[in-house]
Amino acid sequence: MLVGGRDQIRTDQAAAEIGGEPFVLDLDSLAAVHATVNALPHVDAVVCNAGLQIPGAKRTTSDGFEETFQVNFLSHLALVDGLLAREDPPTRVIWVGSGTHDPAQHSGMPHPREDDLKAIARGDMGTVDNAGRRRYTTSKLLTTAVTGGLARERPDLYVGCLDPGLMAATGLAREYPAPIARAYVALGRAIALLPFASTPERSGAQLAALALDDPPPAPSGTTIDFRGKAARISDRARDPGFQDEILFIARGLLRDHATNTPNDPSRTE
């Protein structure tokens, strides 16, 4: 099992815990993603589970994209498309979504932006409060939608998505002010008792089932939750036209970057 992470020491530790093989993967850099695609051995299944939630000021990567958009979505797509283009492509692709992508679930998080992917790539969330958290829910809308779009595009490929539920016992709150982050972690056990919450062990088991079980626990293109049941998907994420639009525009952004076309997502179209 290959275990990727951006920090060599922490990745080595995580891989050692499960008997895996570590490799460094920095999703902040598309060049690093492409180098990883070229260096990896054969991969049977790829799990796209890295995620950032940045509540503060907007941050932009060296590639010119808003960091949440690139790390949570665009670099994962570059990794997946790169692996699928090889002579020995993976047969499964698993994304990690979130129920926060669906306004109807009343998660307490800002509703995602549902239009203009180029504006999303710039980090433009409009005149709303909590723009950083909205960037997170928007990135999860994209991963959930791409699950359906990629499954329709590649019927030979198994594509799944997991809504892991609210998990306090992770590093997702690391970008929050220190007192809030500490309280979030300290309350982890209590939070895990809520009906919409889970633990890394429980959600991790469902993620492993999507990647490894034969047959998979749900049809291709499906999102399941941490209980292994069909998850609720927003109308927007379920829309085939929206799914195809995301793939088309995101791949265009990647092509522009790969061919050194001037690509500044912060400019006005």
C-alpha atoms as a PDB file:
ATOM      1  CA  MET A   1       0.000   0.000   0.000  1.00  0.00           C
ATOM      2  CA  LEU A   2       1.318   3.427  -0.976  1.00  0.00           C
ATOM      3  CA  VAL A   3       0.865   6.273   1.520  1.00  0.00           C
ATOM      4  CA  GLY A   4       1.283   9.820   0.230  1.00  0.00           C
ATOM      5  CA  GLY A   5       1.777  13.026   2.198  1.00  0.00           C
ATOM      6  CA  ARG A   6       3.532  16.349   1.888  1.00  0.00           C
ATOM      7  CA  ASP A   7       5.669  15.972   5.039  1.00  0.00           C
ATOM      8  CA  GLN A   8       8.294  13.240   4.759  1.00  0.00           C
ATOM      9  CA  ILE A   9       8.570  12.475   8.490  1.00  0.00           C
ATOM     10  CA  ARG A  10       4.830  12.311   9.152  1.00  0.00           C
ATOM     11  CA  THR A  11       4.258  10.304   5.964  1.00  0.00           C
ATOM     12  CA  ASP A  12       6.956   7.827   6.980  1.00  0.00           C
ATOM     13  CA  GLN A  13       5.288   7.436  10.393  1.00  0.00           C
ATOM     14  CA  ALA A  14       1.811   6.920   8.919  1.00  0.00           C
ATOM     15  CA  ALA A  15       3.088   4.374   6.417  1.00  0.00           C
ATOM     16  CA  ALA A  16       4.993   2.469   9.098  1.00  0.00           C
ATOM     17  CA  GLU A  17       1.830   2.173  11.224  1.00  0.00           C
ATOM     18  CA  ILE A  18       0.022   0.234   8.489  1.00  0.00           C
ATOM     19  CA  GLY A  19       2.956  -1.455   6.804  1.00  0.00           C
ATOM     20  CA  GLY A  20       2.760   0.797   3.749  1.00  0.00           C
ATOM     21  CA  GLU A  21       5.310   2.436   1.485  1.00  0.00           C
ATOM     22  CA  PRO A  22       5.612   6.220   1.880  1.00  0.00           C
ATOM     23  CA  PHE A  23       5.999   8.787  -0.888  1.00  0.00           C
ATOM     24  CA  VAL A  24       5.967  12.574  -0.814  1.00  0.00           C
ATOM     25  CA  LEU A  25       3.111  14.278  -2.639  1.00  0.00           C
ATOM     26  CA  ASP A  26       2.705  18.062  -2.420  1.00  0.00           C
ATOM     27  CA  LEU A  27      -0.706  18.995  -3.780  1.00  0.00           C
ATOM     28  CA  ASP A  28       0.229  22.679  -3.544  1.00  0.00           C
ATOM     29  CA  SER A  29       2.333  22.129  -6.667  1.00  0.00           C
ATOM     30  CA  LEU A  30       1.054  20.765  -9.959  1.00  0.00           C
ATOM     31  CA  ALA A  31       4.650  20.127 -11.026  1.00  0.00           C
ATOM     32  CA  ALA A  32       5.072  17.914  -7.957  1.00  0.00           C
ATOM     33  CA  VAL A  33       1.859  16.068  -8.823  1.00  0.00           C
ATOM     34  CA  HIS A  34       3.047  15.383 -12.362  1.00  0.00           C
ATOM     35  CA  ALA A  35       6.437  14.202 -11.051  1.00  0.00           C
ATOM     36  CA  THR A  36       4.658  11.847  -8.664  1.00  0.00           C
ATOM     37  CA  VAL A  37       2.555  10.388 -11.475  1.00  0.00           C
ATOM     38  CA  ASN A  38       5.757   9.622 -13.400  1.00  0.00           C
ATOM     39  CA  ALA A  39       7.511   8.110 -10.378  1.00  0.00           C
ATOM     40  CA  LEU A  40       4.801   5.884  -8.908  1.00  0.00           C
ATOM     41  CA  PRO A  41       4.659   2.162  -9.602  1.00  0.00           C
ATOM     42  CA  HIS A  42       1.417   0.538 -10.708  1.00  0.00           C
ATOM     43  CA  VAL A  43      -1.564   1.693  -8.642  1.00  0.00           C
ATOM     44  CA  ASP A  44      -4.724  -0.434  -8.424  1.00  0.00           C
ATOM     45  CA  ALA A  45      -6.821   2.186  -6.623  1.00  0.00           C
ATOM     46  CA  VAL A  46      -6.262   5.862  -5.854  1.00  0.00           C
ATOM     47  CA  VAL A  47      -7.922   7.509  -2.853  1.00  0.00           C
ATOM     48  CA  CYS A  48      -8.237  11.307  -3.040  1.00  0.00           C
ATOM     49  CA  ASN A  49      -8.581  12.203   0.613  1.00  0.00           C
ATOM     50  CA  ALA A  50      -6.344  15.220   1.269  1.00  0.00           C
ATOM     51  CA  GLY A  51      -8.265  18.274   2.409  1.00  0.00           C
ATOM     52  CA  LEU A  52      -7.771  21.793   3.733  1.00  0.00           C
ATOM     53  CA  GLN A  53     -10.157  24.170   5.456  1.00  0.00           C
ATOM     54  CA  ILE A  54      -8.721  27.685   5.675  1.00  0.00           C
ATOM     55  CA  PRO A  55     -11.002  30.050   7.632  1.00  0.00           C
ATOM     56  CA  GLY A  56      -8.716  33.068   7.325  1.00  0.00           C
ATOM     57  CA  ALA A  57      -7.516  35.153   4.409  1.00  0.00           C
ATOM     58  CA  LYS A  58      -7.356  33.676   0.930  1.00  0.00           C
ATOM     59  CA  ARG A  59      -4.119  31.913   0.065  1.00  0.00           C
ATOM     60  CA  THR A  60      -2.846  31.321  -3.457  1.00  0.00           C
ATOM     61  CA  THR A  61      -0.480  28.558  -4.560  1.00  0.00           C
ATOM     62  CA  SER A  62       2.591  29.092  -6.713  1.00  0.00           C
ATOM     63  CA  ASP A  63       0.490  27.803  -9.608  1.00  0.00           C
ATOM     64  CA  GLY A  64      -1.872  30.763  -9.234  1.00  0.00           C
ATOM     65  CA  PHE A  65      -4.924  28.952  -7.857  1.00  0.00           C
ATOM     66  CA  GLU A  66      -6.679  29.450  -4.546  1.00  0.00           C
ATOM     67  CA  GLU A  67      -5.180  26.871  -2.195  1.00  0.00           C
ATOM     68  CA  THR A  68      -8.370  25.114  -1.066  1.00  0.00           C
ATOM     69  CA  PHE A  69      -9.483  24.679  -4.675  1.00  0.00           C
ATOM     70  CA  GLN A  70      -6.119  23.297  -5.768  1.00  0.00           C
ATOM     71  CA  VAL A  71      -5.392  20.980  -2.828  1.00  0.00           C
ATOM     72  CA  ASN A  72      -8.907  19.636  -2.299  1.00  0.00           C
ATOM     73  CA  PHE A  73      -9.856  19.287  -5.953  1.00  0.00           C
ATOM     74  CA  LEU A  74      -7.671  20.370  -8.880  1.00  0.00           C
ATOM     75  CA  SER A  75      -4.444  18.579  -7.911  1.00  0.00           C
ATOM     76  CA  HIS A  76      -6.418  15.439  -7.145  1.00  0.00           C
ATOM     77  CA  LEU A  77      -7.940  15.587 -10.625  1.00  0.00           C
ATOM     78  CA  ALA A  78      -4.468  16.073 -12.130  1.00  0.00           C
ATOM     79  CA  LEU A  79      -3.245  13.021 -10.198  1.00  0.00           C
ATOM     80  CA  VAL A  80      -6.224  10.898 -11.279  1.00  0.00           C
ATOM     81  CA  ASP A  81      -6.086  11.906 -14.943  1.00  0.00           C
ATOM     82  CA  GLY A  82      -2.332  11.370 -14.997  1.00  0.00           C
ATOM     83  CA  LEU A  83      -2.610   7.870 -13.561  1.00  0.00           C
ATOM     84  CA  LEU A  84      -5.507   6.990 -15.866  1.00  0.00           C
ATOM     85  CA  ALA A  85      -3.422   8.000 -18.891  1.00  0.00           C
ATOM     86  CA  ARG A  86      -0.711   5.452 -18.093  1.00  0.00           C
ATOM     87  CA  GLU A  87      -0.483   2.035 -19.746  1.00  0.00           C
ATOM     88  CA  ASP A  88      -1.360   0.399 -16.414  1.00  0.00           C
ATOM     89  CA  PRO A  89      -4.128   2.653 -15.090  1.00  0.00           C
ATOM     90  CA  PRO A  90      -5.888   2.123 -11.761  1.00  0.00           C
ATOM     91  CA  THR A  91      -9.272   0.448 -11.818  1.00  0.00           C
ATOM     92  CA  ARG A  92     -10.740   2.430  -8.927  1.00  0.00           C
ATOM     93  CA  VAL A  93     -10.812   6.104  -7.997  1.00  0.00           C
ATOM     94  CA  ILE A  94     -12.233   7.153  -4.642  1.00  0.00           C
ATOM     95  CA  TRP A  95     -12.976  10.741  -3.632  1.00  0.00           C
ATOM     96  CA  VAL A  96     -13.727  12.130  -0.191  1.00  0.00           C
ATOM     97  CA  GLY A  97     -16.691  14.466  -0.210  1.00  0.00           C
ATOM     98  CA  SER A  98     -18.729  16.018   2.584  1.00  0.00           C
ATOM     99  CA  GLY A  99     -22.377  16.537   3.441  1.00  0.00           C
ATOM    100  CA  THR A 100     -21.529  20.229   3.776  1.00  0.00           C
ATOM    101  CA  HIS A 101     -21.699  20.460  -0.032  1.00  0.00           C
ATOM    102  CA  ASP A 102     -25.505  20.189   0.184  1.00  0.00           C
ATOM    103  CA  PRO A 103     -27.360  23.291   1.429  1.00  0.00           C
ATOM    104  CA  ALA A 104     -30.406  21.141   2.230  1.00  0.00           C
ATOM    105  CA  GLN A 105     -28.481  19.325   4.962  1.00  0.00           C
ATOM    106  CA  HIS A 106     -28.233  22.478   7.112  1.00  0.00           C
ATOM    107  CA  SER A 107     -24.724  21.642   8.293  1.00  0.00           C
ATOM    108  CA  GLY A 108     -24.069  25.088   9.714  1.00  0.00           C
ATOM    109  CA  MET A 109     -21.420  25.684   7.061  1.00  0.00           C
ATOM    110  CA  PRO A 110     -21.797  28.329   4.334  1.00  0.00           C
ATOM    111  CA  HIS A 111     -23.523  27.131   1.171  1.00  0.00           C
ATOM    112  CA  PRO A 112     -21.069  26.317  -1.638  1.00  0.00           C
ATOM    113  CA  ARG A 113     -20.681  28.466  -4.705  1.00  0.00           C
ATOM    114  CA  GLU A 114     -22.403  26.573  -7.502  1.00  0.00           C
ATOM    115  CA  ASP A 115     -21.384  28.539 -10.594  1.00  0.00           C
ATOM    116  CA  ASP A 116     -18.333  29.896 -12.453  1.00  0.00           C
ATOM    117  CA  LEU A 117     -15.495  27.442 -11.875  1.00  0.00           C
ATOM    118  CA  LYS A 118     -12.909  30.000 -12.955  1.00  0.00           C
ATOM    119  CA  ALA A 119     -14.084  32.362 -10.225  1.00  0.00           C
ATOM    120  CA  ILE A 120     -13.927  29.466  -7.764  1.00  0.00           C
ATOM    121  CA  ALA A 121     -10.362  28.750  -8.915  1.00  0.00           C
ATOM    122  CA  ARG A 122      -9.496  32.361  -8.046  1.00  0.00           C
ATOM    123  CA  GLY A 123     -11.080  31.940  -4.631  1.00  0.00           C
ATOM    124  CA  ASP A 124     -13.828  34.462  -5.373  1.00  0.00           C
ATOM    125  CA  MET A 125     -16.738  33.628  -3.085  1.00  0.00           C
ATOM    126  CA  GLY A 126     -18.625  36.885  -3.549  1.00  0.00           C
ATOM    127  CA  THR A 127     -19.663  39.194  -0.752  1.00  0.00           C
ATOM    128  CA  VAL A 128     -20.341  36.571   1.921  1.00  0.00           C
ATOM    129  CA  ASP A 129     -19.166  35.981   5.459  1.00  0.00           C
ATOM    130  CA  ASN A 130     -16.906  33.015   6.166  1.00  0.00           C
ATOM    131  CA  ALA A 131     -15.486  32.949   2.635  1.00  0.00           C
ATOM    132  CA  GLY A 132     -12.770  30.491   3.663  1.00  0.00           C
ATOM    133  CA  ARG A 133     -15.277  27.979   4.929  1.00  0.00           C
ATOM    134  CA  ARG A 134     -17.339  28.493   1.785  1.00  0.00           C
ATOM    135  CA  ARG A 135     -14.293  27.618  -0.280  1.00  0.00           C
ATOM    136  CA  TYR A 136     -14.194  24.325   1.613  1.00  0.00           C
ATOM    137  CA  THR A 137     -17.851  23.440   1.007  1.00  0.00           C
ATOM    138  CA  THR A 138     -17.433  24.441  -2.639  1.00  0.00           C
ATOM    139  CA  SER A 139     -14.444  22.104  -3.019  1.00  0.00           C
ATOM    140  CA  LYS A 140     -16.572  19.273  -1.631  1.00  0.00           C
ATOM    141  CA  LEU A 141     -19.334  20.082  -4.110  1.00  0.00           C
ATOM    142  CA  LEU A 142     -16.744  19.675  -6.862  1.00  0.00           C
ATOM    143  CA  THR A 143     -15.427  16.325  -5.627  1.00  0.00           C
ATOM    144  CA  THR A 144     -18.936  14.956  -5.153  1.00  0.00           C
ATOM    145  CA  ALA A 145     -20.015  16.064  -8.615  1.00  0.00           C
ATOM    146  CA  VAL A 146     -16.866  14.763 -10.298  1.00  0.00           C
ATOM    147  CA  THR A 147     -17.585  11.320  -8.855  1.00  0.00           C
ATOM    148  CA  GLY A 148     -20.699  11.104 -10.989  1.00  0.00           C
ATOM    149  CA  GLY A 149     -19.134  12.741 -14.019  1.00  0.00           C
ATOM    150  CA  LEU A 150     -16.052  10.538 -14.090  1.00  0.00           C
ATOM    151  CA  ALA A 151     -18.165   7.405 -13.583  1.00  0.00           C
ATOM    152  CA  ARG A 152     -20.278   8.266 -16.634  1.00  0.00           C
ATOM    153  CA  GLU A 153     -17.209   9.196 -18.660  1.00  0.00           C
ATOM    154  CA  ARG A 154     -15.351   5.990 -17.802  1.00  0.00           C
ATOM    155  CA  PRO A 155     -17.735   3.044 -17.452  1.00  0.00           C
ATOM    156  CA  ASP A 156     -14.678   0.754 -17.309  1.00  0.00           C
ATOM    157  CA  LEU A 157     -13.591   2.454 -14.079  1.00  0.00           C
ATOM    158  CA  TYR A 158     -15.065   2.196 -10.591  1.00  0.00           C
ATOM    159  CA  VAL A 159     -15.541   5.651  -9.081  1.00  0.00           C
ATOM    160  CA  GLY A 160     -16.818   6.139  -5.553  1.00  0.00           C
ATOM    161  CA  CYS A 161     -17.143   8.909  -3.002  1.00  0.00           C
ATOM    162  CA  LEU A 162     -17.336   8.930   0.795  1.00  0.00           C
ATOM    163  CA  ASP A 163     -19.079  11.445   3.015  1.00  0.00           C
ATOM    164  CA  PRO A 164     -17.049  10.778   6.181  1.00  0.00           C
ATOM    165  CA  GLY A 165     -19.272  12.812   8.485  1.00  0.00           C
ATOM    166  CA  LEU A 166     -18.017  15.327  11.009  1.00  0.00           C
ATOM    167  CA  MET A 167     -14.724  14.104  12.470  1.00  0.00           C
ATOM    168  CA  ALA A 168     -13.202  16.157  15.260  1.00  0.00           C
ATOM    169  CA  ALA A 169     -10.258  13.794  15.705  1.00  0.00           C
ATOM    170  CA  THR A 170      -8.463  14.960  12.559  1.00  0.00           C
ATOM    171  CA  GLY A 171      -6.289  17.910  11.604  1.00  0.00           C
ATOM    172  CA  LEU A 172      -9.040  19.679   9.673  1.00  0.00           C
ATOM    173  CA  ALA A 173      -9.244  22.469  12.292  1.00  0.00           C
ATOM    174  CA  ARG A 174      -5.498  23.116  12.279  1.00  0.00           C
ATOM    175  CA  GLU A 175      -5.906  26.404  10.393  1.00  0.00           C
ATOM    176  CA  TYR A 176      -8.319  27.797  12.979  1.00  0.00           C
ATOM    177  CA  PRO A 177      -7.139  30.017  15.865  1.00  0.00           C
ATOM    178  CA  ALA A 178      -5.294  27.887  18.439  1.00  0.00           C
ATOM    179  CA  PRO A 179      -7.972  28.031  21.190  1.00  0.00           C
ATOM    180  CA  ILE A 180     -10.689  26.929  18.770  1.00  0.00           C
ATOM    181  CA  ALA A 181      -8.532  24.151  17.308  1.00  0.00           C
ATOM    182  CA  ARG A 182      -7.659  22.825  20.776  1.00  0.00           C
ATOM    183  CA  ALA A 183     -11.288  22.873  21.898  1.00  0.00           C
ATOM    184  CA  TYR A 184     -12.349  21.098  18.716  1.00  0.00           C
ATOM    185  CA  VAL A 185      -9.899  18.279  19.346  1.00  0.00           C
ATOM    186  CA  ALA A 186     -10.659  18.116  23.083  1.00  0.00           C
ATOM    187  CA  LEU A 187     -14.359  17.685  22.369  1.00  0.00           C
ATOM    188  CA  GLY A 188     -13.682  15.006  19.776  1.00  0.00           C
ATOM    189  CA  ARG A 189     -15.121  12.096  21.743  1.00  0.00           C
ATOM    190  CA  ALA A 190     -18.308  13.982  22.577  1.00  0.00           C
ATOM    191  CA  ILE A 191     -18.719  15.252  19.026  1.00  0.00           C
ATOM    192  CA  ALA A 192     -18.345  11.703  17.682  1.00  0.00           C
ATOM    193  CA  LEU A 193     -21.561  10.759  19.508  1.00  0.00           C
ATOM    194  CA  LEU A 194     -23.635  13.128  17.377  1.00  0.00           C
ATOM    195  CA  PRO A 195     -25.710  11.386  14.673  1.00  0.00           C
ATOM    196  CA  PHE A 196     -23.914  13.185  11.849  1.00  0.00           C
ATOM    197  CA  ALA A 197     -20.431  12.651  13.300  1.00  0.00           C
ATOM    198  CA  SER A 198     -17.943   9.813  13.032  1.00  0.00           C
ATOM    199  CA  THR A 199     -14.414   8.764  13.918  1.00  0.00           C
ATOM    200  CA  PRO A 200     -11.385   8.261  11.650  1.00  0.00           C
ATOM    201  CA  GLU A 201     -11.574   4.521  12.332  1.00  0.00           C
ATOM    202  CA  ARG A 202     -15.235   4.227  11.369  1.00  0.00           C
ATOM    203  CA  SER A 203     -15.019   6.415   8.279  1.00  0.00           C
ATOM    204  CA  GLY A 204     -11.657   4.924   7.351  1.00  0.00           C
ATOM    205  CA  ALA A 205     -13.208   1.467   7.239  1.00  0.00           C
ATOM    206  CA  GLN A 206     -15.790   2.669   4.696  1.00  0.00           C
ATOM    207  CA  LEU A 207     -13.076   4.364   2.659  1.00  0.00           C
ATOM    208  CA  ALA A 208     -11.103   1.123   2.606  1.00  0.00           C
ATOM    209  CA  ALA A 209     -14.217  -0.797   1.550  1.00  0.00           C
ATOM    210  CA  LEU A 210     -14.716   1.519  -1.426  1.00  0.00           C
ATOM    211  CA  ALA A 211     -11.095   1.056  -2.470  1.00  0.00           C
ATOM    212  CA  LEU A 212     -10.677  -2.663  -1.792  1.00  0.00           C
ATOM    213  CA  ASP A 213     -13.912  -4.637  -1.412  1.00  0.00           C
ATOM    214  CA  ASP A 214     -14.897  -6.926  -4.270  1.00  0.00           C
ATOM    215  CA  PRO A 215     -17.583  -6.182  -5.172  1.00  0.00           C
ATOM    216  CA  PRO A 216     -17.570  -2.567  -4.016  1.00  0.00           C
ATOM    217  CA  PRO A 217     -20.204  -1.584  -1.437  1.00  0.00           C
ATOM    218  CA  ALA A 218     -22.119   0.641  -3.886  1.00  0.00           C
ATOM    219  CA  PRO A 219     -22.457   1.142  -7.658  1.00  0.00           C
ATOM    220  CA  SER A 220     -19.935   3.303  -9.492  1.00  0.00           C
ATOM    221  CA  GLY A 221     -20.769   6.995  -9.294  1.00  0.00           C
ATOM    222  CA  THR A 222     -22.349   6.622  -5.858  1.00  0.00           C
ATOM    223  CA  THR A 223     -21.557   8.525  -2.669  1.00  0.00           C
ATOM    224  CA  ILE A 224     -21.910   6.607   0.579  1.00  0.00           C
ATOM    225  CA  ASP A 225     -21.718   7.891   4.141  1.00  0.00           C
ATOM    226  CA  PHE A 226     -19.692   6.683   7.123  1.00  0.00           C
ATOM    227  CA  ARG A 227     -22.393   4.115   7.901  1.00  0.00           C
ATOM    228  CA  GLY A 228     -22.080   2.563   4.453  1.00  0.00           C
ATOM    229  CA  LYS A 229     -25.473   3.889   3.350  1.00  0.00           C
ATOM    230  CA  ALA A 230     -26.271   5.978   0.285  1.00  0.00           C
ATOM    231  CA  ALA A 231     -25.482   9.595   1.135  1.00  0.00           C
ATOM    232  CA  ARG A 232     -27.691  12.533   0.316  1.00  0.00           C
ATOM    233  CA  ILE A 233     -26.432  14.411  -2.760  1.00  0.00           C
ATOM    234  CA  SER A 234     -27.405  17.948  -3.700  1.00  0.00           C
ATOM    235  CA  ASP A 235     -29.336  18.595  -6.897  1.00  0.00           C
ATOM    236  CA  ARG A 236     -26.381  20.549  -8.252  1.00  0.00           C
ATOM    237  CA  ALA A 237     -23.857  17.758  -7.616  1.00  0.00           C
ATOM    238  CA  ARG A 238     -26.243  15.265  -9.250  1.00  0.00           C
ATOM    239  CA  ASP A 239     -26.702  17.348 -12.430  1.00  0.00           C
ATOM    240  CA  PRO A 240     -24.860  15.681 -15.371  1.00  0.00           C
ATOM    241  CA  GLY A 241     -24.439  19.026 -17.122  1.00  0.00           C
ATOM    242  CA  PHE A 242     -22.716  20.502 -14.081  1.00  0.00           C
ATOM    243  CA  GLN A 243     -20.548  17.413 -13.699  1.00  0.00           C
ATOM    244  CA  ASP A 244     -19.388  17.608 -17.309  1.00  0.00           C
ATOM    245  CA  GLU A 245     -18.799  21.368 -17.068  1.00  0.00           C
ATOM    246  CA  ILE A 246     -16.534  20.924 -14.055  1.00  0.00           C
ATOM    247  CA  LEU A 247     -14.434  18.285 -15.788  1.00  0.00           C
ATOM    248  CA  PHE A 248     -14.183  20.309 -19.006  1.00  0.00           C
ATOM    249  CA  ILE A 249     -13.163  23.608 -17.388  1.00  0.00           C
ATOM    250  CA  ALA A 250     -10.866  22.061 -14.769  1.00  0.00           C
ATOM    251  CA  ARG A 251      -9.021  20.090 -17.430  1.00  0.00           C
ATOM    252  CA  GLY A 252      -8.714  23.274 -19.458  1.00  0.00           C
ATOM    253  CA  LEU A 253      -7.044  24.967 -16.492  1.00  0.00           C
ATOM    254  CA  LEU A 254      -4.655  22.037 -16.202  1.00  0.00           C
ATOM    255  CA  ARG A 255      -3.847  22.107 -19.927  1.00  0.00           C
ATOM    256  CA  ASP A 256      -3.168  25.835 -19.791  1.00  0.00           C
ATOM    257  CA  HIS A 257      -0.805  25.314 -16.903  1.00  0.00           C
ATOM    258  CA  ALA A 258       0.967  22.359 -18.540  1.00  0.00           C
ATOM    259  CA  THR A 259       1.598  24.258 -21.772  1.00  0.00           C
ATOM    260  CA  ASN A 260       2.814  27.376 -19.947  1.00  0.00           C
ATOM    261  CA  THR A 261      -0.074  29.422 -21.289  1.00  0.00           C
ATOM    262  CA  PRO A 262      -0.418  32.569 -19.168  1.00  0.00           C
ATOM    263  CA  ASN A 263      -2.759  31.345 -16.503  1.00  0.00           C
ATOM    264  CA  ASP A 264      -3.670  33.845 -13.811  1.00  0.00           C
ATOM    265  CA  PRO A 265      -6.982  32.842 -12.230  1.00  0.00           C
ATOM    266  CA  SER A 266      -7.045  36.184 -10.429  1.00  0.00           C
ATOM    267  CA  ARG A 267      -7.584  38.121 -13.650  1.00  0.00           C
ATOM    268  CA  THR A 268     -11.030  39.191 -14.767  1.00  0.00           C
ATOM    269  CA  GLU A 269     -12.333  37.241 -17.735  1.00  0.00           C
END
